[in-house]
Structure formats: structure tokens, C-alpha cells
Amino acid sequence: MSPVLPRPALARRLRALREDLWPEAGITQTQLARALGGSKPLSISLISSWENADKPVVPPNRRLEAYATLFATRRSLDGATLRVLPVEQLTDEERTRRKELLEELLWLREGRESTAPRPPADIWTFDEGQNITIVCARLPEKYRRHLSYANPESADFVSLYTYADPDALIELFGHIRSRNPGNNVKFCTSEELTADDYTSHLVLLGGVDWNSVTRDVIERVDLPVEQVGRDDDAEHGGFRVRQDGGPKLFEPKLDSRQHLLEDVAHFYRGESPFNRKRTVTVCNGMYGRGTLGAVRALTDARFRDRNIAYVRERFGDVEPFSIISRVPVVGGQGLTPDWTLEENRLHEWPEAAG
């Protein structure tokens, strides 16, 4: 049997798990060595060698199993203590996450990163080396006019203030970067998109009112959902769907003082109309909290595994698919939609997988 050769992609992935999966925790190599070694802590130099993409050392399978178990659940981190929970203590969702992560790590250990598609850890994991472009709308000039931070002539200028949906952008960019350490991930406004960007994996934030690329994509795909602008048929807009009983409009809810009580989020994933070997994903809402809700449905650690599991059970391997969901707003904050609750799902397309 030939020896296992060093795998740079595996080393990069192991480092990304430690540094980027829970960045606020600041997990050190020392903590990881103690957690993986149990009663006999591993050496820090061994952890370092596993993460060294220039001269990597390949961990044995049992260590990768421990990695998968540890990073399958945020419960592995209890205060300042990092530990590997017994597999039997994992929830069903955590077991699913562990299985997916272990499959990915073992696949990278075999050195297949350049010969076959990588098994996805979640919906935001793409084949290594493929470009990913997140596209936001530019905040309309009338909203930037009196904001010095959005004025390029101002000493206080910050380019991100010119973006619509910055909350959703920051949430999603960090998540995609952590899931795809070997990929080029960029973000730009729709006006800044280049011809090459159009043929990458596209992730579109925001709706047709401000994001012209969202409008271009929706016009090119066969989707029984259209966004109604706030100045069109409904005061606050919404998402109109085509169904047997005729069109139906799902609208956000506001109180008499125009405070948002519930937004509407739309998540769409399908083949890119600009490159059939790439995907396009739309995360959209009638207001910013709806767009953020569409993103957090599959990034929020408390909900993403159950929502991913629901998508796989509901649609199987079918793409494209679309989900319109409620985003309750409490205390001014949009809550992450739980797609496993029927009352949160307003519309789904296509029909369930057989």
C-alpha cells in the first residue's frame, strides 16, 4: 500500500476550522492539542504540523474523527474549556454535521481536491479553486446624501457605508470565507461587477428595487416567484407567487406607526444562467431584516443544520429550489427563520422530492 502523501488542502481546512468556524472563541493550538488528546494531550508542534500547508503532516483517521466530533457542535466549547463530546451525546443535527465534516476531511486526506468535486459540508461550500462573488446593491444616493461616511470626498469615508444590506454582507462573507479557505471570495456592488464575475458562483443580496443583478437573474430563470416593489401594487411590496388558485402576494407586516413587525425572506438557489457549471443564490427580503433572515437561515449555528437537513429532505438533490419564509421582528431585531416549522414557510418550490 502506498503511503499517504501530505495534503495542503486538508491542512488549510484544519486551520480554518480552528480559526474561522468560531472566530470569537479564539481557539489556540494549545487548547486543541489538549482537547484532541484527552487524558494525554497532544503536542502543540503536532497540531502545527497538521495545519502547515507548506509541509503538512497528515493526521490519522481517528484524529480526523475527533476533529469532526469537536467542530460538529458549539457545545464543544464550554467557557475557556475545549473538549470532544462523546458521540452519543450529540443531537441528531450535530451527528449530521459530524458525518458531513468527517466525509469532507477524509476526502481531503485522500488528496482528491483537484480530481473530483468536494462533498459539500453545507450549501455554502463550493469546489476548491472556484471563484465566489457576493453582489450587493449600492445604497441609493438619496440615502447617502447626508451621510459623511458614504461621501468619497469626506475624510471619514468608509466604502461599506455605500452598500445596501451591510448586515447580511458581513454575516455571509465571513461564513463563506470560513467554509472555502481555498477559494477566492469577493464582494462588490452590482455596478462594480465585471464580466468574469458574472460567470463565477454568484450570491445576490437584496431585491430587484436596488440590485440590478438580482433583477437580471430572476428574469432569466424559470421561477414562479416575482418581487413586487414597494411602489408597485402593494404599499410595502412583497413576493407574488404563481399557483393553481391564482397569484398570491406575501407581504411584510407593519404596525400603525410603520414599525416593522414581520418581514418576508426569499431564498433561491439554482444553476447560473451565465455559466451552467456555477450556481446563483439569491438572499432577498422586502426590508434589510428579511435579507439578513434569508442569509442567517443557513449561517446561524443554532438553525443552519436543521434548515439544511430540511432542504435535503424536502428537495433532495433538486436544484433549483426556492423558499419564502417569515422573519419575525422583535425589539427591532429580525429573528432567524426556522424552516422546520410549517408556519414559518410561506411558499416552497418545486414539489417535494419523490
Foldseek 3Di string as FASTA:
>chain_A
DDDQDFFLVLLCLLVLLQCQLCPVLNHDLQLVQCALQPVHGHDSVLNVQCNDSVRHDQDDLVSLLQVLQQSLDPVCCDPNHGHRDDPVPDDPLSVLLSVQSSQQSVVSSNVCLPPDAGRASFPLAGRFAFEEEEEFFFDDCVVCVPPLCCDPVHPNDDVLVRTPLSVLVVLQQSQSCSNHVRYHYYYDYLVPDDPVNLQTAYEYFEDVVGRVVNVVFVVVDPAQKDWAACPGDHVLTAIWGQDPVGIDGDQWDADPVRHTFKKKWKWKKAQRPSHNVHIYIYTYISHSLRSSLSSCCCRVSVHNSQSRVVCCQFANPDPIKMWMFMFGADPNHTDRDRPVDPNGTDDIDDGGDD
